[in-house]
Protein backbone atom coordinates (compact mmCIF):
# COMPACT_ATOMS: atom_id res chain seq x y z
CA MET A 1 -12.78 40.80 -21.78
CA ASN A 2 -15.68 38.57 -22.76
CA ARG A 3 -16.48 35.74 -20.39
CA PRO A 4 -19.02 32.92 -20.60
CA SER A 5 -22.05 33.17 -18.34
CA THR A 6 -24.50 30.71 -16.89
CA SER A 7 -28.25 30.85 -16.31
CA ASN A 8 -27.88 30.59 -12.53
CA GLU A 9 -25.32 33.26 -11.70
CA ASP A 10 -26.07 33.51 -7.97
CA SER A 11 -25.85 29.80 -7.14
CA VAL A 12 -23.08 28.79 -4.73
CA ALA A 13 -21.65 25.42 -3.75
CA VAL A 14 -19.13 25.07 -0.95
CA VAL A 15 -16.40 22.46 -1.44
CA ILE A 16 -14.75 21.05 1.70
CA VAL A 17 -11.84 18.64 1.32
CA SER A 18 -11.44 16.51 4.43
CA TYR A 19 -8.56 14.28 5.45
CA ARG A 20 -8.95 12.75 8.90
CA SER A 21 -10.80 15.84 10.04
CA ALA A 22 -14.40 14.63 10.40
CA PRO A 23 -15.20 16.59 13.62
CA LEU A 24 -13.93 19.81 12.09
CA THR A 25 -15.82 19.13 8.86
CA ILE A 26 -19.07 18.56 10.75
CA ALA A 27 -18.63 21.81 12.69
CA CYS A 28 -17.96 23.62 9.42
CA LEU A 29 -21.15 22.16 7.90
CA ALA A 30 -23.09 23.27 10.97
CA SER A 31 -21.96 26.86 10.37
CA LEU A 32 -23.14 26.56 6.76
CA ALA A 33 -26.47 25.14 7.92
CA ALA A 34 -26.96 28.22 10.10
CA GLU A 35 -26.36 30.45 7.09
CA ARG A 36 -28.89 28.49 5.03
CA ALA A 37 -31.47 28.75 7.79
CA ALA A 38 -30.97 32.52 7.87
CA GLY A 39 -31.29 32.74 4.08
CA ARG A 40 -27.64 33.74 3.53
CA PRO A 41 -28.12 32.19 0.95
CA ALA A 42 -31.06 29.82 1.33
CA ASP A 43 -30.11 27.78 -1.75
CA LEU A 44 -26.52 27.10 -0.61
CA LYS A 45 -25.15 23.65 -1.50
CA ALA A 46 -22.08 21.82 -0.25
CA VAL A 47 -19.84 18.95 -1.29
CA VAL A 48 -17.58 17.17 1.20
CA VAL A 49 -14.72 15.25 -0.40
CA ASP A 50 -13.07 12.65 1.80
CA ASN A 51 -9.57 12.29 0.38
CA ASP A 52 -9.56 8.53 1.05
CA SER A 53 -9.03 8.97 4.80
CA GLY A 54 -12.00 7.10 6.22
CA ASP A 55 -13.95 10.21 7.15
CA THR A 56 -17.06 9.24 5.21
CA GLY A 57 -18.69 7.25 8.02
CA PRO A 58 -18.80 9.97 10.71
CA VAL A 59 -19.61 12.72 8.20
CA ALA A 60 -22.40 10.66 6.61
CA ALA A 61 -23.88 9.95 10.03
CA ALA A 62 -23.85 13.66 10.88
CA ILE A 63 -25.50 14.55 7.57
CA ASP A 64 -28.29 12.05 8.24
CA ALA A 65 -28.70 13.06 11.88
CA HIS A 66 -29.07 16.76 11.06
CA GLY A 67 -31.18 16.32 7.93
CA TRP A 68 -28.59 17.93 5.64
CA SER A 69 -28.82 15.38 2.84
CA ASP A 70 -30.91 17.66 0.60
CA TRP A 71 -28.04 20.16 0.28
CA VAL A 72 -24.85 18.25 1.17
CA ALA A 73 -23.22 15.67 -1.10
CA LEU A 74 -20.52 13.38 0.29
CA VAL A 75 -17.88 11.98 -2.05
CA ARG A 76 -15.14 9.52 -1.23
CA ALA A 77 -12.11 10.13 -3.45
CA PRO A 78 -10.46 6.97 -4.77
CA LYS A 79 -7.09 8.23 -3.56
CA ASN A 80 -5.52 10.98 -1.49
CA GLY A 81 -4.50 13.08 -4.45
CA GLY A 82 -3.89 16.24 -2.45
CA PHE A 83 -5.72 19.49 -1.84
CA GLY A 84 -6.04 20.55 -5.48
CA TYR A 85 -7.20 17.10 -6.56
CA GLY A 86 -9.90 17.04 -3.89
CA ASN A 87 -11.08 20.55 -4.75
CA ASN A 88 -11.29 19.73 -8.46
CA LEU A 89 -13.27 16.59 -7.69
CA GLY A 90 -15.61 18.52 -5.39
CA ALA A 91 -16.14 21.31 -7.92
CA ALA A 92 -16.92 18.81 -10.68
CA THR A 93 -19.41 17.01 -8.41
CA ALA A 94 -21.12 20.27 -7.41
CA ARG A 95 -21.53 21.45 -10.98
CA ALA A 96 -22.74 18.10 -12.25
CA THR A 97 -25.26 17.80 -9.41
CA TRP A 98 -26.61 21.36 -9.12
CA ASN A 99 -25.25 23.39 -12.08
CA VAL A 100 -23.86 26.07 -9.78
CA SER A 101 -21.91 29.05 -11.10
CA LEU A 102 -19.83 29.89 -8.01
CA ILE A 103 -17.59 27.53 -6.04
CA HIS A 104 -16.54 28.42 -2.50
CA PHE A 105 -13.47 26.44 -1.48
CA LEU A 106 -13.48 26.15 2.31
CA ASN A 107 -11.13 24.36 4.69
CA PRO A 108 -12.66 21.91 7.16
CA ASP A 109 -11.01 23.79 10.04
CA THR A 110 -13.12 26.89 9.38
CA GLN A 111 -16.51 28.19 10.42
CA VAL A 112 -18.25 30.93 8.49
CA ARG A 113 -19.63 33.98 10.29
CA ALA A 114 -22.97 35.56 9.41
CA GLY A 115 -23.08 36.78 5.81
CA ALA A 116 -19.62 35.52 4.88
CA ILE A 117 -20.75 33.61 1.81
CA VAL A 118 -23.19 36.24 0.56
CA ALA A 119 -20.46 38.89 0.89
CA LEU A 120 -18.22 36.99 -1.52
CA ARG A 121 -21.09 36.20 -3.89
CA ASP A 122 -22.25 39.81 -4.04
CA PHE A 123 -18.72 41.08 -4.50
CA LEU A 124 -18.13 38.83 -7.51
CA ALA A 125 -21.47 39.89 -8.96
CA ALA A 126 -20.41 43.55 -8.72
CA HIS A 127 -16.88 42.98 -10.09
CA PRO A 128 -17.02 41.01 -13.35
CA ARG A 129 -13.23 41.01 -13.80
CA ALA A 130 -12.73 39.28 -10.44
CA ALA A 131 -12.31 35.51 -10.65
CA LEU A 132 -11.47 34.88 -7.00
CA ALA A 133 -12.56 36.57 -3.78
CA GLY A 134 -11.00 35.63 -0.45
CA SER A 135 -12.25 36.07 3.10
CA ARG A 136 -10.88 37.85 6.16
CA PHE A 137 -9.98 35.45 8.98
CA LEU A 138 -10.23 35.28 12.73
CA ASN A 139 -8.06 32.89 14.71
CA GLY A 140 -9.72 30.33 16.95
CA ASP A 141 -9.27 32.65 19.95
CA GLY A 142 -11.09 35.47 18.17
CA SER A 143 -8.01 37.53 17.33
CA ALA A 144 -7.74 39.03 13.86
CA TRP A 145 -5.68 37.53 11.03
CA PRO A 146 -6.09 40.18 8.30
CA TYR A 147 -3.61 38.93 5.70
CA ALA A 148 -3.44 38.41 1.97
CA PHE A 149 -0.32 37.93 -0.11
CA ARG A 150 2.01 39.04 -2.88
CA PHE A 151 3.48 36.52 -5.27
CA PRO A 152 6.83 35.17 -4.01
CA GLY A 153 10.01 35.75 -5.97
CA LEU A 154 13.73 36.32 -5.64
CA ALA A 155 13.43 39.54 -3.59
CA SER A 156 10.82 38.11 -1.22
CA GLU A 157 12.83 34.93 -0.64
CA PHE A 158 15.90 36.99 0.21
CA GLU A 159 13.97 39.33 2.53
CA GLY A 160 12.18 36.47 4.28
CA GLY A 161 15.38 34.56 4.92
CA LEU A 162 17.39 37.51 6.19
CA SER A 163 14.59 39.19 8.17
CA PHE A 164 16.71 42.28 8.77
CA GLY A 165 14.96 45.60 9.39
CA PRO A 166 16.80 47.85 6.89
CA VAL A 167 16.59 45.22 4.13
CA SER A 168 12.92 44.54 4.87
CA ARG A 169 12.17 48.27 4.61
CA LEU A 170 14.06 48.50 1.32
CA LEU A 171 12.18 45.49 -0.10
CA HIS A 172 8.82 46.21 1.53
CA ARG A 173 7.00 46.04 -1.82
CA HIS A 174 8.15 42.44 -2.18
CA VAL A 175 7.25 41.13 1.29
CA VAL A 176 4.77 38.29 0.71
CA PRO A 177 2.32 38.72 3.66
CA CYS A 178 0.31 41.96 3.46
CA ILE A 179 -1.66 43.36 6.37
CA MET A 180 -4.98 44.31 4.80
CA SER A 181 -7.34 47.12 5.74
CA SER A 182 -11.08 46.92 6.40
CA GLU A 183 -11.81 47.79 2.75
CA PRO A 184 -11.86 45.36 -0.21
CA ALA A 185 -8.63 45.43 -2.19
CA PRO A 186 -7.07 43.69 -5.19
CA ILE A 187 -4.18 41.46 -4.23
CA ASP A 188 -1.90 38.89 -5.85
CA TRP A 189 -3.27 35.86 -4.01
CA VAL A 190 -5.48 34.89 -1.08
CA SER A 191 -5.55 31.95 1.28
CA GLY A 192 -7.23 28.83 -0.09
CA ALA A 193 -8.83 28.27 3.33
CA SER A 194 -11.81 30.38 2.19
CA VAL A 195 -11.98 31.61 -1.38
CA MET A 196 -14.89 31.84 -3.82
CA MET A 197 -14.29 31.38 -7.54
CA ARG A 198 -16.34 31.72 -10.68
CA ALA A 199 -16.98 28.36 -12.30
CA ALA A 200 -16.28 29.96 -15.69
CA ALA A 201 -12.80 30.98 -14.53
CA LEU A 202 -12.25 27.54 -13.02
CA ASP A 203 -12.99 26.02 -16.42
CA GLU A 204 -10.73 28.46 -18.23
CA LEU A 205 -7.82 27.68 -15.91
CA ARG A 206 -8.59 23.94 -15.79
CA GLY A 207 -8.94 24.13 -12.02
CA PHE A 208 -6.22 23.55 -9.48
CA ASP A 209 -3.00 22.03 -10.76
CA GLU A 210 -2.93 18.58 -9.17
CA SER A 211 0.84 18.25 -9.48
CA PHE A 212 0.89 20.21 -6.19
CA PHE A 213 0.04 17.88 -3.32
CA LEU A 214 -0.38 20.56 -0.65
CA TYR A 215 0.73 24.20 -0.43
CA PHE A 216 1.37 26.71 -3.23
CA GLU A 217 -1.58 25.42 -5.27
CA GLU A 218 -3.72 28.49 -4.53
CA THR A 219 -0.74 30.77 -5.22
CA ASP A 220 -0.31 29.06 -8.58
CA LEU A 221 -4.06 29.28 -9.33
CA CYS A 222 -4.15 33.03 -8.61
CA LEU A 223 -1.04 33.59 -10.71
CA ARG A 224 -2.56 31.75 -13.67
CA ALA A 225 -5.76 33.75 -13.20
CA ARG A 226 -3.72 36.99 -13.33
CA GLN A 227 -2.00 35.82 -16.51
CA ALA A 228 -5.41 35.04 -18.07
CA GLY A 229 -6.70 38.55 -17.33
CA TRP A 230 -8.65 37.88 -14.13
CA ASP A 231 -8.36 39.69 -10.80
CA THR A 232 -8.12 38.35 -7.24
CA TRP A 233 -9.60 40.36 -4.36
CA TYR A 234 -9.52 40.37 -0.58
CA VAL A 235 -13.05 40.92 0.77
CA PRO A 236 -13.01 41.71 4.51
CA ASP A 237 -16.82 41.72 4.81
CA SER A 238 -16.59 37.94 4.48
CA LEU A 239 -15.49 36.86 7.95
CA VAL A 240 -14.39 33.28 8.63
CA VAL A 241 -12.94 31.67 11.76
CA HIS A 242 -9.89 29.61 10.82
CA ILE A 243 -8.29 27.30 13.35
CA ALA A 244 -5.09 27.23 11.29
CA GLY A 245 -3.17 24.00 11.01
CA GLN A 246 -5.87 21.77 12.47
CA SER A 247 -6.61 20.13 9.12
CA THR A 248 -2.95 19.69 8.11
CA GLY A 249 -1.09 19.65 11.43
CA VAL A 250 1.60 21.92 9.96
CA THR A 251 0.92 25.61 10.66
CA CYS A 252 -0.72 25.79 14.09
CA ARG A 253 -0.45 29.42 15.16
CA ASP A 254 -0.66 28.76 18.88
CA GLN A 255 2.24 26.27 18.98
CA ALA A 256 5.97 26.41 18.46
CA PRO A 257 7.05 26.16 14.79
CA ARG A 258 7.24 22.61 13.50
CA ARG A 259 9.52 21.10 10.92
CA LEU A 260 7.87 21.48 7.54
CA PRO A 261 7.03 18.27 5.67
CA ALA A 262 8.90 17.36 2.51
CA TYR A 263 5.88 18.13 0.36
CA TRP A 264 6.03 21.82 1.38
CA TYR A 265 9.52 22.12 -0.09
CA GLU A 266 8.54 20.03 -3.10
CA SER A 267 5.58 22.34 -3.76
CA ARG A 268 7.76 25.42 -3.34
CA ARG A 269 10.31 24.21 -5.89
CA HIS A 270 7.56 23.05 -8.24
CA TYR A 271 5.81 26.43 -8.12
CA PHE A 272 8.96 28.35 -8.97
CA VAL A 273 10.09 26.01 -11.77
CA LEU A 274 6.66 25.95 -13.42
CA ASN A 275 6.17 29.70 -13.27
CA HIS A 276 9.72 31.09 -13.44
CA GLY A 277 11.80 28.43 -15.17
CA ARG A 278 14.71 26.38 -13.89
CA LEU A 279 17.42 29.04 -14.20
CA ARG A 280 15.38 31.69 -12.39
CA THR A 281 14.46 29.15 -9.70
CA ALA A 282 18.15 28.36 -9.22
CA ALA A 283 18.80 32.06 -8.61
CA ILE A 284 15.86 32.20 -6.20
CA ASP A 285 17.21 29.20 -4.30
CA VAL A 286 20.69 30.71 -4.06
CA ALA A 287 19.19 33.95 -2.72
CA ALA A 288 17.08 32.06 -0.20
CA LEU A 289 19.93 29.83 0.98
CA VAL A 290 22.36 32.75 1.39
CA ALA A 291 19.74 34.86 3.16
CA HIS A 292 18.76 32.10 5.58
CA ALA A 293 22.42 31.36 6.32
CA LEU A 294 23.04 35.04 7.07
CA GLY A 295 19.86 35.08 9.12
CA ARG A 296 21.19 32.24 11.25
CA VAL A 297 24.40 34.17 11.91
CA LYS A 298 22.38 37.27 12.84
CA ARG A 299 20.19 35.30 15.26
CA ARG A 300 23.24 33.67 16.83
CA LEU A 301 24.81 37.07 17.43
CA GLN A 302 21.52 38.25 18.94
CA GLY A 303 21.31 35.19 21.18
CA ARG A 304 18.07 34.05 19.54
CA ALA A 305 16.94 30.64 18.31
CA MET A 306 18.97 29.43 15.37
CA GLU A 307 15.96 28.88 13.10
CA ASN A 308 12.32 29.94 13.25
CA VAL A 309 11.35 26.67 11.53
CA PRO A 310 13.36 23.61 12.64
CA HIS A 311 15.83 22.30 10.02
CA PHE A 312 14.64 24.85 7.46
CA LEU A 313 18.01 25.65 5.89
CA GLY A 314 19.03 22.01 5.48
CA ASP A 315 15.61 20.96 4.17
CA LEU A 316 15.57 23.88 1.73
CA TRP A 317 18.93 22.73 0.35
CA ARG A 318 17.85 19.09 0.13
CA HIS A 319 14.80 20.01 -1.96
CA SER A 320 16.42 22.80 -3.97
CA VAL A 321 16.39 22.76 -7.76
CA LEU A 322 20.17 23.00 -7.44
CA ARG A 323 20.15 19.36 -6.30
CA SER A 324 17.45 18.13 -8.69
CA TRP A 325 18.35 19.93 -11.90
CA THR A 326 17.24 17.13 -14.22
CA ARG A 327 14.02 16.32 -12.38
CA PRO A 328 11.02 16.86 -14.72
CA GLU A 329 8.40 19.36 -13.56
CA SER A 330 5.02 19.34 -15.31
CA ARG A 331 1.40 20.26 -14.64
CA ARG A 332 -1.30 17.66 -14.05
CA TRP A 333 -5.07 17.84 -13.96
CA ARG A 334 -7.51 15.08 -12.98
CA ASP A 335 -8.02 12.71 -15.91
CA GLY A 336 -6.84 15.46 -18.22
CA THR A 337 -10.22 17.22 -17.94
CA ALA A 338 -11.34 20.65 -16.85
CA ALA A 339 -12.44 20.93 -13.24
CA GLY A 340 -16.02 21.58 -14.24
CA GLN A 341 -16.37 18.36 -16.21
CA ALA A 342 -17.52 15.20 -14.47
């Protein structure tokens, strides 16, 4: 597999997409500044993309106050185009400004631990078939969150909805969340909260698909990378604190489950239709709906809460491909250009 190379193969730019999360973004930048000061790596760059939320003022003030302007670029997006849109814009800005070869996509509600960025950079340097390398996470309270993921499909949707021990054991190879060990391992996909990617692979794949507003875009990116012959790896030596849900307000781990927003279901349907086709997605939706209905009956008999996520079954039906059979589903990239092109 021949891949294009660049003249600056160790250069890294972090891309942080912020939406009404200025304090978190500033704390994230401070953790990057500490890594730069320690030389891990000293030439680290960063781009903060404000997805048209009004975060530019506080972030710009922090950049000036801390003297970060020589390595941090701040971009205000003309619209809130979603997570993939902001990442593509940030990657294009980083490459046009500094000609970097590695892009580290990092959530604003994260803080890198010592050596986290260098660990991903060095891993990619040693594994030329790897396009993406994802970090190991700690929760905000310091507890471990050692997960990466398998691609979802019909079996995983059925297992997840039913959540019944014998069935889960039978379908264990299809369960989406995987508890990872302390050793690097190839995996289907990794969390987009902290993942480093080769700029060459980003170009080849045309970046994130911007038809996803939020959620499933990193799953889709890793799937397209797999189809193009690239690998995705989980790299536990890269340790990142992730205060999950603080940047989106959806998946806070220390709170009761919240009702998922409509765009989560829209992204789910969109992912399956784009990658599996409409007929296969219909079968996946039937499996998920039946499994979740049976799961509700099981929980009622056990005297447990009806649903882990409020209104999940009804919302899943409302956004199912079964109810939107004629709705067009297509991919979209910013201005029709590759992510590396300004």
